[in-house]
Amino acid sequence: MVSPLLPVYARELGASGVWLGLTFSVFAIVQTFVGPFAGRLSDRYGRKPFIVAGLLIYLVAALGYLTATSFYQVIAFRAFSGLGTSLIFSVARAYVGDMTPKGQEGRWLGVFATADIIGFGTGPLVAGVFREFIGFKSVFVAMAAMMGLSATILLFWLPRHSPQEILRRADRKLYGAPLTVSFATALRDRLVLAVTTHQGLLSLSMGASFSFLALRLEEGLGIGPLLIGIAFATQDITGGLAQPIFGRMADRYSRRALVSIGLLVNAALLACVGIVPSYWLMVVVLMSMGASGAISQVASGAIQVVAGRRVGMGTVLGLGSASNGAGIVIGSVVSGFIVDAQGLAAAFFLGGAVMAAGVPVFLFLTRGLVTKEVDAPPAMAAEGTAEAAAGG
């Protein structure tokens, strides 16, 4: 709800150039340093406490935006929300990864990502409606209310450990194996290094461009808040609905090929965002980006789960979170300087070029590696077996 509007909010309070980039990306600075430790600690102590704490931090940050009287304060609360980001997103994906049967990573993550991405897609739309008819600050109140509701739901209904994670922890205790490994050990695994590097390059591309998408729509095309929300929503909703379809494909076909195809198509479309002359053509481009992005996201997410089983699910996803944060920071700051010098369109050209450059890097790092594991029994049977064993 808030991310697309923060650059606009900060500009109204006097921010420009690099400061605008920071309103989008400063959360990622915190995420870069905190994310790996949150993931690794969740391998040791369980996922639930971190997710609930992250939601409560977001609630406080949302209320903090209401008190901001300068763009420096907006940036400060955005940084605080980065702590919440670090505790929520990679840890939540690790929780799903814990439960995923071997050979079905794409299918399971596709279902999870549908809810995740559609939430991201409808957030800007809801924010646009609130801003249009109630006022800018009502968006922050609504965000705080949703964070409180989410925290309450998880506090009462989410188990501390999934049944499969209970089994894994019992096995490691039985054989004297550690629950976590060091980051250096994890990164010596080439599959872990590949997915971490891929995440960083992809995020650098998105940080370089999406920091300025709302401004491109508002200033470049003269679009109002409601239509900006619709534009953001169409991309994410399209991507979310496509996730289950491409998730099944990721379990059947080459995941390396799917990641590469999705990135190349997305890179070309992203560059087009900088030159599209009309709003409705922009919507078509963003919807196409949602679909092509889903191809690479679900395939790379499935590979992440495979890597997570080798060195710790939270550790791998925490490293991905740090790589994601570093990419967003570098991309948004660099693009801020480029926008000051060359204009808004240059940010989208930079983002597309970086995304395309990530394809050969990913293919090189994953050469000869197994990105799928042996098929497991049907998910229902596997889950039932795990629950029975955990109960025993």
Protein backbone atom coordinates (compact mmCIF):
# COMPACT_ATOMS: atom_id res chain seq x y z
CA MET A 1 0.00 0.00 0.00
CA VAL A 2 2.66 2.49 1.02
CA SER A 3 5.77 1.74 -1.04
CA PRO A 4 4.57 3.24 -4.36
CA LEU A 5 3.34 6.40 -2.63
CA LEU A 6 6.38 7.17 -0.47
CA PRO A 7 8.42 8.89 -3.22
CA VAL A 8 5.40 11.09 -3.98
CA TYR A 9 4.92 11.80 -0.25
CA ALA A 10 8.61 12.63 0.15
CA ARG A 11 8.59 14.94 -2.88
CA GLU A 12 5.71 16.89 -1.33
CA LEU A 13 7.93 17.31 1.75
CA GLY A 14 10.86 18.60 -0.34
CA ALA A 15 12.87 15.50 -1.37
CA SER A 16 14.50 15.16 -4.77
CA GLY A 17 16.94 12.94 -6.70
CA VAL A 18 18.89 10.60 -4.45
CA TRP A 19 16.63 11.36 -1.47
CA LEU A 20 13.66 10.12 -3.50
CA GLY A 21 15.52 6.92 -4.24
CA LEU A 22 16.25 6.48 -0.55
CA THR A 23 12.58 6.78 0.42
CA PHE A 24 12.03 3.62 -1.60
CA SER A 25 15.23 1.78 -0.75
CA VAL A 26 16.45 2.75 2.72
CA PHE A 27 14.48 -0.16 4.17
CA ALA A 28 16.73 -2.38 2.08
CA ILE A 29 19.87 -1.08 3.83
CA VAL A 30 18.51 -2.46 7.09
CA GLN A 31 17.34 -5.62 5.34
CA THR A 32 20.84 -6.20 3.94
CA PHE A 33 22.38 -6.40 7.40
CA VAL A 34 19.53 -7.92 9.43
CA GLY A 35 17.98 -10.36 6.90
CA PRO A 36 20.68 -13.05 6.99
CA PHE A 37 20.72 -13.20 10.79
CA ALA A 38 16.92 -13.29 10.99
CA GLY A 39 16.84 -16.26 8.60
CA ARG A 40 19.65 -18.10 10.36
CA LEU A 41 18.17 -17.51 13.83
CA SER A 42 14.78 -18.74 12.59
CA ASP A 43 16.49 -22.03 11.65
CA ARG A 44 17.46 -22.31 15.30
CA TYR A 45 14.46 -20.87 17.19
CA GLY A 46 11.52 -21.24 14.81
CA ARG A 47 9.82 -18.99 12.28
CA LYS A 48 6.71 -17.71 14.09
CA PRO A 49 8.26 -15.27 16.62
CA PHE A 50 10.16 -13.45 13.88
CA ILE A 51 7.15 -13.08 11.57
CA VAL A 52 4.86 -11.75 14.30
CA ALA A 53 7.52 -9.33 15.56
CA GLY A 54 8.06 -8.06 12.01
CA LEU A 55 4.36 -7.33 11.56
CA LEU A 56 4.26 -5.34 14.80
CA ILE A 57 7.29 -3.31 13.67
CA TYR A 58 5.48 -2.50 10.42
CA LEU A 59 2.47 -1.35 12.46
CA VAL A 60 4.64 1.10 14.41
CA ALA A 61 6.29 2.36 11.21
CA ALA A 62 2.90 2.93 9.56
CA LEU A 63 1.77 5.08 12.48
CA GLY A 64 5.12 6.86 12.40
CA TYR A 65 4.53 8.11 8.85
CA LEU A 66 1.50 9.97 10.19
CA THR A 67 3.72 12.17 12.37
CA ALA A 68 6.31 12.98 9.67
CA THR A 69 6.83 16.67 8.96
CA SER A 70 9.95 16.29 6.76
CA PHE A 71 11.20 13.78 4.24
CA TYR A 72 14.03 12.90 6.66
CA GLN A 73 11.43 11.48 9.04
CA VAL A 74 9.78 9.57 6.20
CA ILE A 75 13.14 8.01 5.40
CA ALA A 76 13.73 7.18 9.09
CA PHE A 77 10.44 5.32 9.43
CA ARG A 78 11.07 3.60 6.11
CA ALA A 79 14.37 2.37 7.55
CA PHE A 80 12.55 1.10 10.65
CA SER A 81 10.11 -0.82 8.45
CA GLY A 82 13.18 -2.49 6.90
CA LEU A 83 13.62 -4.30 10.20
CA GLY A 84 10.08 -5.62 9.81
CA THR A 85 10.84 -6.66 6.23
CA SER A 86 13.87 -8.62 7.43
CA LEU A 87 11.80 -10.52 9.98
CA ILE A 88 8.84 -11.31 7.73
CA PHE A 89 9.45 -12.12 4.11
CA SER A 90 12.41 -14.51 3.97
CA VAL A 91 11.27 -16.22 7.19
CA ALA A 92 7.73 -16.72 5.85
CA ARG A 93 9.10 -18.25 2.64
CA ALA A 94 11.34 -20.48 4.73
CA TYR A 95 8.26 -21.69 6.62
CA VAL A 96 6.64 -22.67 3.32
CA GLY A 97 9.90 -24.21 2.15
CA ASP A 98 9.98 -26.38 5.27
CA MET A 99 6.65 -27.94 4.29
CA THR A 100 7.31 -28.38 0.56
CA PRO A 101 7.67 -32.00 -0.68
CA LYS A 102 10.65 -32.79 -2.88
CA GLY A 103 9.90 -32.41 -6.56
CA GLN A 104 6.94 -30.08 -5.91
CA GLU A 105 8.76 -26.86 -5.02
CA GLY A 106 7.37 -24.94 -7.98
CA ARG A 107 3.77 -25.96 -7.30
CA TRP A 108 3.85 -25.12 -3.61
CA LEU A 109 5.68 -21.81 -3.99
CA GLY A 110 3.36 -20.94 -6.86
CA VAL A 111 0.35 -21.23 -4.56
CA PHE A 112 2.05 -19.24 -1.80
CA ALA A 113 3.23 -16.56 -4.23
CA THR A 114 -0.31 -16.15 -5.58
CA ALA A 115 -1.51 -14.80 -2.25
CA ASP A 116 1.73 -12.91 -1.71
CA ILE A 117 1.83 -11.16 -5.08
CA ILE A 118 -1.90 -10.47 -5.31
CA GLY A 119 -1.59 -8.82 -1.91
CA PHE A 120 1.19 -6.63 -3.25
CA GLY A 121 -0.93 -5.93 -6.32
CA THR A 122 -4.12 -4.93 -4.55
CA GLY A 123 -2.25 -2.85 -1.94
CA PRO A 124 -1.46 0.05 -4.30
CA LEU A 125 -5.03 -0.09 -5.65
CA VAL A 126 -6.51 0.17 -2.15
CA ALA A 127 -4.03 2.93 -1.35
CA GLY A 128 -5.09 4.83 -4.46
CA VAL A 129 -8.74 4.67 -3.43
CA PHE A 130 -7.98 5.82 0.12
CA ARG A 131 -5.75 8.66 -1.09
CA GLU A 132 -8.27 9.79 -3.70
CA PHE A 133 -11.37 9.85 -1.50
CA ILE A 134 -10.19 10.13 2.12
CA GLY A 135 -6.69 11.60 2.07
CA PHE A 136 -3.02 10.66 1.97
CA LYS A 137 -2.63 9.85 5.66
CA SER A 138 -5.58 7.45 5.67
CA VAL A 139 -3.35 5.03 3.76
CA PHE A 140 -1.02 4.76 6.75
CA VAL A 141 -3.91 4.20 9.16
CA ALA A 142 -5.26 1.39 6.97
CA MET A 143 -1.81 -0.17 6.73
CA ALA A 144 -1.42 -0.14 10.52
CA ALA A 145 -4.82 -1.78 10.97
CA MET A 146 -3.94 -4.57 8.51
CA MET A 147 -0.60 -5.20 10.21
CA GLY A 148 -2.36 -5.53 13.57
CA LEU A 149 -4.91 -7.95 12.12
CA SER A 150 -2.20 -10.04 10.46
CA ALA A 151 -0.18 -10.26 13.67
CA THR A 152 -3.27 -11.36 15.61
CA ILE A 153 -4.13 -14.09 13.10
CA LEU A 154 -0.62 -15.54 13.14
CA LEU A 155 -0.22 -15.25 16.90
CA PHE A 156 -3.24 -17.47 17.54
CA TRP A 157 -3.30 -19.82 14.56
CA LEU A 158 0.22 -20.34 13.18
CA PRO A 159 2.16 -23.23 14.79
CA ARG A 160 5.65 -22.33 15.99
CA HIS A 161 7.09 -25.13 13.81
CA SER A 162 5.57 -26.97 10.86
CA PRO A 163 5.29 -30.78 11.30
CA GLN A 164 8.05 -31.29 8.75
CA GLU A 165 10.35 -28.90 10.58
CA ILE A 166 9.70 -30.74 13.84
CA LEU A 167 10.92 -33.93 12.16
CA ARG A 168 13.99 -32.21 10.73
CA ARG A 169 14.96 -30.78 14.11
CA ALA A 170 14.46 -34.18 15.77
CA ASP A 171 16.67 -35.89 13.18
CA ARG A 172 19.44 -33.36 13.60
CA LYS A 173 19.29 -33.66 17.38
CA LEU A 174 19.36 -37.48 17.13
CA TYR A 175 22.49 -37.49 14.96
CA GLY A 176 24.17 -34.55 16.67
CA ALA A 177 24.01 -32.34 13.56
CA PRO A 178 23.89 -28.54 14.03
CA LEU A 179 20.65 -26.71 13.28
CA THR A 180 22.52 -23.96 11.41
CA VAL A 181 25.72 -23.49 9.41
CA SER A 182 27.84 -20.38 8.96
CA PHE A 183 27.22 -18.01 6.07
CA ALA A 184 30.65 -18.80 4.65
CA THR A 185 29.85 -22.52 4.62
CA ALA A 186 26.49 -21.88 2.98
CA LEU A 187 28.00 -19.70 0.23
CA ARG A 188 30.59 -22.34 -0.59
CA ASP A 189 27.67 -24.35 -1.97
CA ARG A 190 27.52 -23.19 -5.60
CA LEU A 191 23.73 -23.52 -5.80
CA VAL A 192 23.34 -21.22 -2.80
CA LEU A 193 25.80 -18.77 -4.36
CA ALA A 194 23.88 -18.88 -7.67
CA VAL A 195 20.44 -18.08 -6.23
CA THR A 196 21.88 -15.41 -3.91
CA THR A 197 23.69 -13.66 -6.78
CA HIS A 198 20.63 -13.92 -9.01
CA GLN A 199 18.48 -12.31 -6.32
CA GLY A 200 20.92 -9.44 -5.93
CA LEU A 201 21.11 -8.63 -9.64
CA LEU A 202 17.34 -8.85 -10.05
CA SER A 203 16.80 -6.53 -7.09
CA LEU A 204 19.39 -4.07 -8.37
CA SER A 205 17.40 -3.86 -11.57
CA MET A 206 14.09 -3.37 -9.77
CA GLY A 207 15.58 -0.83 -7.35
CA ALA A 208 16.94 1.17 -10.26
CA SER A 209 13.54 1.41 -11.93
CA PHE A 210 10.60 0.92 -9.58
CA SER A 211 11.79 3.63 -7.21
CA PHE A 212 10.56 6.00 -9.93
CA LEU A 213 7.56 4.19 -11.43
CA ALA A 214 4.96 6.22 -9.51
CA LEU A 215 6.69 9.44 -10.58
CA ARG A 216 6.87 8.21 -14.18
CA LEU A 217 3.10 7.70 -14.14
CA GLU A 218 2.23 10.88 -12.26
CA GLU A 219 4.65 13.32 -13.87
CA GLY A 220 5.37 11.68 -17.20
CA LEU A 221 1.82 10.65 -18.11
CA GLY A 222 -0.20 12.97 -15.86
CA ILE A 223 -2.00 10.14 -14.06
CA GLY A 224 -3.91 10.53 -10.78
CA PRO A 225 -3.60 8.40 -7.64
CA LEU A 226 -6.40 5.94 -8.46
CA LEU A 227 -5.05 5.10 -11.92
CA ILE A 228 -1.53 4.75 -10.47
CA GLY A 229 -2.90 2.19 -8.04
CA ILE A 230 -4.59 0.32 -10.89
CA ALA A 231 -1.34 0.28 -12.90
CA PHE A 232 0.63 -1.22 -10.02
CA ALA A 233 -2.16 -3.68 -9.27
CA THR A 234 -2.44 -5.03 -12.82
CA GLN A 235 1.20 -6.08 -12.87
CA ASP A 236 1.17 -7.88 -9.55
CA ILE A 237 -2.26 -9.45 -9.96
CA THR A 238 -1.32 -10.81 -13.39
CA GLY A 239 1.89 -12.21 -11.96
CA GLY A 240 0.10 -13.71 -8.98
CA LEU A 241 -2.52 -15.47 -11.08
CA ALA A 242 0.20 -16.85 -13.36
CA GLN A 243 2.29 -18.26 -10.50
CA PRO A 244 0.46 -21.61 -10.08
CA ILE A 245 0.62 -22.27 -13.83
CA PHE A 246 4.33 -21.56 -14.06
CA GLY A 247 4.90 -23.36 -10.75
CA ARG A 248 3.77 -26.63 -12.31
CA MET A 249 5.97 -25.89 -15.33
CA ALA A 250 8.94 -25.38 -13.02
CA ASP A 251 8.42 -28.89 -11.66
CA ARG A 252 8.35 -30.39 -15.18
CA TYR A 253 10.81 -28.38 -17.29
CA SER A 254 14.27 -26.89 -16.93
CA ARG A 255 14.25 -24.34 -14.14
CA ARG A 256 17.43 -22.73 -15.48
CA ALA A 257 15.74 -22.15 -18.84
CA LEU A 258 12.58 -20.74 -17.26
CA VAL A 259 14.57 -18.27 -15.14
CA SER A 260 16.51 -17.12 -18.20
CA ILE A 261 13.49 -16.71 -20.46
CA GLY A 262 11.53 -14.80 -17.83
CA LEU A 263 14.41 -12.43 -17.12
CA LEU A 264 15.10 -11.63 -20.77
CA VAL A 265 11.47 -10.87 -21.59
CA ASN A 266 11.07 -8.82 -18.43
CA ALA A 267 14.23 -6.84 -19.20
CA ALA A 268 12.93 -5.79 -22.63
CA LEU A 269 9.56 -4.78 -21.19
CA LEU A 270 11.15 -2.83 -18.35
CA ALA A 271 13.15 -0.74 -20.80
CA CYS A 272 9.89 0.02 -22.63
CA VAL A 273 8.38 1.52 -19.46
CA GLY A 274 10.66 4.52 -19.92
CA ILE A 275 9.29 5.38 -23.37
CA VAL A 276 5.64 4.21 -23.41
CA PRO A 277 3.59 7.26 -24.51
CA SER A 278 0.13 6.43 -23.09
CA TYR A 279 -1.36 5.16 -19.86
CA TRP A 280 -3.25 2.16 -21.22
CA LEU A 281 -0.26 0.97 -23.21
CA MET A 282 1.71 1.25 -19.96
CA VAL A 283 -0.86 -0.99 -18.27
CA VAL A 284 -0.40 -3.60 -21.02
CA VAL A 285 3.38 -3.47 -20.59
CA LEU A 286 3.10 -3.82 -16.80
CA MET A 287 0.69 -6.76 -17.12
CA SER A 288 3.14 -8.47 -19.50
CA MET A 289 5.92 -7.83 -16.99
CA GLY A 290 3.83 -9.48 -14.30
CA ALA A 291 3.44 -12.64 -16.38
CA SER A 292 7.07 -12.83 -17.53
CA GLY A 293 8.31 -12.05 -14.03
CA ALA A 294 6.25 -14.93 -12.66
CA ILE A 295 8.13 -17.35 -14.91
CA SER A 296 11.53 -16.49 -13.46
CA GLN A 297 10.34 -15.90 -9.89
CA VAL A 298 8.66 -19.24 -9.36
CA ALA A 299 11.52 -21.17 -10.99
CA SER A 300 14.21 -19.39 -8.98
CA GLY A 301 12.12 -19.76 -5.81
CA ALA A 302 11.92 -23.52 -6.38
CA ILE A 303 15.70 -23.65 -6.75
CA GLN A 304 16.03 -21.69 -3.49
CA VAL A 305 14.07 -24.37 -1.64
CA VAL A 306 16.33 -27.08 -3.04
CA ALA A 307 19.37 -25.09 -1.87
CA GLY A 308 17.72 -24.48 1.51
CA ARG A 309 17.43 -28.19 2.23
CA ARG A 310 21.19 -28.44 1.90
CA VAL A 311 22.33 -25.74 4.33
CA GLY A 312 19.20 -24.47 6.13
CA MET A 313 16.06 -22.93 4.67
CA GLY A 314 16.19 -19.76 6.74
CA THR A 315 19.90 -19.30 6.09
CA VAL A 316 19.49 -19.45 2.30
CA LEU A 317 16.46 -17.19 2.25
CA GLY A 318 18.14 -14.81 4.70
CA LEU A 319 21.14 -14.54 2.38
CA GLY A 320 18.68 -13.89 -0.44
CA SER A 321 17.09 -11.16 1.67
CA ALA A 322 20.48 -9.50 2.18
CA SER A 323 21.28 -9.76 -1.52
CA ASN A 324 17.85 -8.33 -2.31
CA GLY A 325 18.43 -5.40 0.04
CA ALA A 326 21.89 -4.63 -1.30
CA GLY A 327 20.61 -4.73 -4.89
CA ILE A 328 17.74 -2.34 -4.17
CA VAL A 329 20.02 0.12 -2.36
CA ILE A 330 22.67 0.17 -5.08
CA GLY A 331 20.12 0.30 -7.88
CA SER A 332 18.01 3.09 -6.41
CA VAL A 333 20.94 5.29 -5.41
CA VAL A 334 22.69 4.92 -8.77
CA SER A 335 19.46 5.53 -10.65
CA GLY A 336 18.83 8.61 -8.49
CA PHE A 337 22.01 10.20 -9.83
CA ILE A 338 21.13 9.09 -13.37
CA VAL A 339 17.61 10.52 -13.12
CA ASP A 340 19.01 13.85 -11.92
CA ALA A 341 21.31 13.92 -14.94
CA GLN A 342 19.29 12.23 -17.70
CA GLY A 343 15.62 12.16 -16.66
CA LEU A 344 13.18 9.49 -15.48
CA ALA A 345 13.37 7.29 -18.58
CA ALA A 346 17.05 6.52 -17.94
CA ALA A 347 16.17 4.64 -14.73
CA PHE A 348 14.12 2.09 -16.68
CA PHE A 349 16.80 1.64 -19.34
CA LEU A 350 19.33 0.94 -16.59
CA GLY A 351 16.99 -1.54 -14.90
CA GLY A 352 16.40 -3.47 -18.11
CA ALA A 353 20.12 -3.63 -18.93
CA VAL A 354 21.04 -4.97 -15.48
CA MET A 355 18.27 -7.57 -15.58
CA ALA A 356 19.44 -8.84 -18.98
CA ALA A 357 23.04 -8.97 -17.76
CA GLY A 358 21.95 -11.26 -14.91
CA VAL A 359 21.03 -14.08 -17.30
CA PRO A 360 24.54 -15.19 -18.32
CA VAL A 361 25.72 -14.82 -14.71
CA PHE A 362 22.96 -17.13 -13.48
CA LEU A 363 23.56 -19.71 -16.24
CA PHE A 364 27.28 -19.75 -15.52
CA LEU A 365 26.87 -20.28 -11.77
CA THR A 366 24.28 -23.07 -12.16
CA ARG A 367 26.09 -24.99 -14.90
CA GLY A 368 26.04 -28.72 -14.19
CA LEU A 369 24.04 -28.37 -10.95
CA VAL A 370 20.91 -30.32 -10.02
CA THR A 371 18.03 -27.87 -9.53
CA LYS A 372 15.36 -30.52 -8.91
CA GLU A 373 15.22 -33.34 -6.40
CA VAL A 374 13.59 -36.74 -6.62
CA ASP A 375 9.80 -36.62 -6.78
CA ALA A 376 8.06 -37.13 -3.46
CA PRO A 377 4.70 -38.81 -2.75
CA PRO A 378 1.61 -36.61 -3.18
CA ALA A 379 1.61 -33.59 -0.89
CA MET A 380 -1.39 -34.79 1.16
CA ALA A 381 0.22 -38.14 1.93
CA ALA A 382 3.58 -36.58 2.70
CA GLU A 383 2.03 -34.07 5.07
CA GLY A 384 -0.06 -36.73 6.80
CA THR A 385 3.00 -38.91 7.33
CA ALA A 386 4.93 -35.98 8.78
CA GLU A 387 2.08 -35.10 11.13
CA ALA A 388 1.77 -38.68 12.32
CA ALA A 389 5.50 -38.94 12.93
CA ALA A 390 5.60 -35.58 14.66
CA GLY A 391 2.68 -36.61 16.87
CA GLY A 392 4.42 -39.85 17.79
